Amino acid sequence: MFFIHTKFLLIDPLSDDPLVCTGSANFSANSLLHNDENMLLIRGDIRVADIYLTEFDRIFRHFFARNAINKIAAGGEKLGAASSSTRHPSGATSSSSPTASNADGGRCSSPIRRRAG
């Protein structure tokens, strides 16, 4: 298991009404209640959600691979056949394809497929 520290939160990023929360605030009581932080809520913008989800996917894959390599180097675990898909905490499924269509038919560089509504 590994954790990713980000300054954004995605809620239903593959839906028709995604919510992106981003800014300088950490998701802690002190940051949200006592510090002079900012938080931007972007709702319903599929393009922005796709961009943030693509960045999450990039970070997730980087640290997933790094975690696996560290386990192999430590001699603690052998990897089986590589899976062509990974289940993210968001519920999104990523694959190894180079491009994906977003909801309006445009092309984006995310390998994540938007769920059918």
C-alpha atoms as a PDB file:
ATOM      1  CA  MET A   1       0.000   0.000   0.000  1.00  0.00           C
ATOM      2  CA  PHE A   2       1.144   3.535  -0.686  1.00  0.00           C
ATOM      3  CA  PHE A   3      -0.306   7.018  -0.338  1.00  0.00           C
ATOM      4  CA  ILE A   4      -0.261   9.948  -2.740  1.00  0.00           C
ATOM      5  CA  HIS A   5      -0.098  13.477  -1.331  1.00  0.00           C
ATOM      6  CA  THR A   6      -1.977  15.872  -3.609  1.00  0.00           C
ATOM      7  CA  LYS A   7      -3.626  19.267  -3.254  1.00  0.00           C
ATOM      8  CA  PHE A   8      -6.759  18.257  -5.118  1.00  0.00           C
ATOM      9  CA  LEU A   9      -9.805  16.097  -4.566  1.00  0.00           C
ATOM     10  CA  LEU A  10     -11.947  14.598  -7.331  1.00  0.00           C
ATOM     11  CA  ILE A  11     -15.574  13.627  -6.735  1.00  0.00           C
ATOM     12  CA  ASP A  12     -17.275  11.633  -9.501  1.00  0.00           C
ATOM     13  CA  PRO A  13     -14.621  12.692 -12.044  1.00  0.00           C
ATOM     14  CA  LEU A  14     -16.070  10.498 -14.811  1.00  0.00           C
ATOM     15  CA  SER A  15     -19.678  11.595 -14.386  1.00  0.00           C
ATOM     16  CA  ASP A  16     -21.519  14.332 -16.245  1.00  0.00           C
ATOM     17  CA  ASP A  17     -21.332  16.478 -13.083  1.00  0.00           C
ATOM     18  CA  PRO A  18     -17.763  16.103 -11.710  1.00  0.00           C
ATOM     19  CA  LEU A  19     -16.451  18.151  -8.789  1.00  0.00           C
ATOM     20  CA  VAL A  20     -12.797  19.227  -8.602  1.00  0.00           C
ATOM     21  CA  CYS A  21     -11.574  20.736  -5.316  1.00  0.00           C
ATOM     22  CA  THR A  22      -8.119  22.302  -5.578  1.00  0.00           C
ATOM     23  CA  GLY A  23      -6.047  25.035  -3.963  1.00  0.00           C
ATOM     24  CA  SER A  24      -3.390  25.679  -1.341  1.00  0.00           C
ATOM     25  CA  ALA A  25      -5.326  24.072   1.518  1.00  0.00           C
ATOM     26  CA  ASN A  26      -4.466  20.674   2.903  1.00  0.00           C
ATOM     27  CA  PHE A  27      -7.405  18.497   3.850  1.00  0.00           C
ATOM     28  CA  SER A  28      -6.886  18.942   7.602  1.00  0.00           C
ATOM     29  CA  ALA A  29      -8.783  20.805  10.324  1.00  0.00           C
ATOM     30  CA  ASN A  30      -6.032  23.406  10.868  1.00  0.00           C
ATOM     31  CA  SER A  31      -5.664  24.134   7.172  1.00  0.00           C
ATOM     32  CA  LEU A  32      -9.384  24.351   6.490  1.00  0.00           C
ATOM     33  CA  LEU A  33     -10.461  26.177   9.661  1.00  0.00           C
ATOM     34  CA  HIS A  34      -7.525  28.255  10.951  1.00  0.00           C
ATOM     35  CA  ASN A  35      -5.005  28.975   8.191  1.00  0.00           C
ATOM     36  CA  ASP A  36      -5.285  31.566   5.425  1.00  0.00           C
ATOM     37  CA  GLU A  37      -5.679  29.044   2.598  1.00  0.00           C
ATOM     38  CA  ASN A  38      -7.710  28.976  -0.591  1.00  0.00           C
ATOM     39  CA  MET A  39      -9.897  26.273  -2.091  1.00  0.00           C
ATOM     40  CA  LEU A  40     -11.407  26.411  -5.560  1.00  0.00           C
ATOM     41  CA  LEU A  41     -14.445  24.232  -6.301  1.00  0.00           C
ATOM     42  CA  ILE A  42     -15.044  23.531  -9.992  1.00  0.00           C
ATOM     43  CA  ARG A  43     -18.304  21.710 -10.647  1.00  0.00           C
ATOM     44  CA  GLY A  44     -19.645  20.343 -13.914  1.00  0.00           C
ATOM     45  CA  ASP A  45     -16.575  21.084 -16.070  1.00  0.00           C
ATOM     46  CA  ILE A  46     -15.780  17.746 -17.717  1.00  0.00           C
ATOM     47  CA  ARG A  47     -12.626  19.064 -19.402  1.00  0.00           C
ATOM     48  CA  VAL A  48     -11.119  20.294 -16.110  1.00  0.00           C
ATOM     49  CA  ALA A  49     -12.039  16.998 -14.407  1.00  0.00           C
ATOM     50  CA  ASP A  50     -10.367  15.056 -17.254  1.00  0.00           C
ATOM     51  CA  ILE A  51      -7.176  17.110 -16.870  1.00  0.00           C
ATOM     52  CA  TYR A  52      -7.026  16.559 -13.102  1.00  0.00           C
ATOM     53  CA  LEU A  53      -7.870  12.848 -13.451  1.00  0.00           C
ATOM     54  CA  THR A  54      -5.118  12.462 -16.053  1.00  0.00           C
ATOM     55  CA  GLU A  55      -2.656  14.045 -13.605  1.00  0.00           C
ATOM     56  CA  PHE A  56      -3.866  11.733 -10.840  1.00  0.00           C
ATOM     57  CA  ASP A  57      -3.396   8.777 -13.190  1.00  0.00           C
ATOM     58  CA  ARG A  58       0.157   9.913 -14.013  1.00  0.00           C
ATOM     59  CA  ILE A  59       1.079  10.267 -10.334  1.00  0.00           C
ATOM     60  CA  PHE A  60      -0.643   6.984  -9.395  1.00  0.00           C
ATOM     61  CA  ARG A  61       1.189   4.999 -12.091  1.00  0.00           C
ATOM     62  CA  HIS A  62       4.530   6.561 -11.130  1.00  0.00           C
ATOM     63  CA  PHE A  63       4.237   5.661  -7.451  1.00  0.00           C
ATOM     64  CA  PHE A  64       2.634   2.266  -8.148  1.00  0.00           C
ATOM     65  CA  ALA A  65       5.631   1.316 -10.306  1.00  0.00           C
ATOM     66  CA  ARG A  66       8.099   2.759  -7.792  1.00  0.00           C
ATOM     67  CA  ASN A  67       6.455   0.792  -4.979  1.00  0.00           C
ATOM     68  CA  ALA A  68       6.627  -2.450  -7.009  1.00  0.00           C
ATOM     69  CA  ILE A  69      10.280  -1.858  -7.939  1.00  0.00           C
ATOM     70  CA  ASN A  70      11.188  -1.208  -4.295  1.00  0.00           C
ATOM     71  CA  LYS A  71       9.489  -4.473  -3.235  1.00  0.00           C
ATOM     72  CA  ILE A  72      11.359  -6.414  -5.912  1.00  0.00           C
ATOM     73  CA  ALA A  73      14.663  -4.769  -4.949  1.00  0.00           C
ATOM     74  CA  ALA A  74      14.073  -5.677  -1.305  1.00  0.00           C
ATOM     75  CA  GLY A  75      13.459  -9.296  -2.334  1.00  0.00           C
ATOM     76  CA  GLY A  76      10.080  -9.242  -0.673  1.00  0.00           C
ATOM     77  CA  GLU A  77       7.803  -9.844  -3.601  1.00  0.00           C
ATOM     78  CA  LYS A  78       7.759 -11.186  -7.144  1.00  0.00           C
ATOM     79  CA  LEU A  79       5.476  -9.673  -9.730  1.00  0.00           C
ATOM     80  CA  GLY A  80       3.179 -11.865 -11.808  1.00  0.00           C
ATOM     81  CA  ALA A  81       1.938 -11.083 -15.274  1.00  0.00           C
ATOM     82  CA  ALA A  82       1.396  -7.379 -15.754  1.00  0.00           C
ATOM     83  CA  SER A  83      -2.227  -6.355 -15.678  1.00  0.00           C
ATOM     84  CA  SER A  84      -3.510  -4.171 -18.485  1.00  0.00           C
ATOM     85  CA  SER A  85      -5.819  -2.271 -16.142  1.00  0.00           C
ATOM     86  CA  THR A  86      -5.679  -0.767 -12.646  1.00  0.00           C
ATOM     87  CA  ARG A  87      -8.560   0.186 -10.379  1.00  0.00           C
ATOM     88  CA  HIS A  88      -8.050   3.669  -8.917  1.00  0.00           C
ATOM     89  CA  PRO A  89      -9.544   4.781  -5.592  1.00  0.00           C
ATOM     90  CA  SER A  90     -11.855   7.027  -7.644  1.00  0.00           C
ATOM     91  CA  GLY A  91     -13.414   3.937  -9.187  1.00  0.00           C
ATOM     92  CA  ALA A  92     -11.991   4.859 -12.585  1.00  0.00           C
ATOM     93  CA  THR A  93     -10.418   2.111 -14.629  1.00  0.00           C
ATOM     94  CA  SER A  94      -7.236   2.907 -16.492  1.00  0.00           C
ATOM     95  CA  SER A  95      -5.794   0.921 -19.361  1.00  0.00           C
ATOM     96  CA  SER A  96      -2.645   1.028 -21.401  1.00  0.00           C
ATOM     97  CA  SER A  97      -4.237   2.698 -24.439  1.00  0.00           C
ATOM     98  CA  PRO A  98      -2.605   6.000 -25.457  1.00  0.00           C
ATOM     99  CA  THR A  99      -5.767   8.089 -25.936  1.00  0.00           C
ATOM    100  CA  ALA A 100      -9.370   8.220 -24.816  1.00  0.00           C
ATOM    101  CA  SER A 101     -12.486   9.969 -25.997  1.00  0.00           C
ATOM    102  CA  ASN A 102     -14.094  12.378 -23.589  1.00  0.00           C
ATOM    103  CA  ALA A 103     -17.874  12.783 -23.323  1.00  0.00           C
ATOM    104  CA  ASP A 104     -18.169  15.359 -26.115  1.00  0.00           C
ATOM    105  CA  GLY A 105     -16.231  13.175 -28.572  1.00  0.00           C
ATOM    106  CA  GLY A 106     -12.990  15.174 -28.294  1.00  0.00           C
ATOM    107  CA  ARG A 107      -9.670  13.456 -27.869  1.00  0.00           C
ATOM    108  CA  CYS A 108      -7.514  13.718 -24.768  1.00  0.00           C
ATOM    109  CA  SER A 109      -4.242  12.100 -23.744  1.00  0.00           C
ATOM    110  CA  SER A 110      -5.774  10.340 -20.714  1.00  0.00           C
ATOM    111  CA  PRO A 111      -5.832   6.545 -20.832  1.00  0.00           C
ATOM    112  CA  ILE A 112      -8.910   6.668 -18.563  1.00  0.00           C
ATOM    113  CA  ARG A 113     -12.279   5.885 -20.093  1.00  0.00           C
ATOM    114  CA  ARG A 114     -15.268   8.041 -19.165  1.00  0.00           C
ATOM    115  CA  ARG A 115     -18.098   5.893 -17.803  1.00  0.00           C
ATOM    116  CA  ALA A 116     -21.265   5.775 -19.855  1.00  0.00           C
ATOM    117  CA  GLY A 117     -23.997   7.835 -18.141  1.00  0.00           C
END
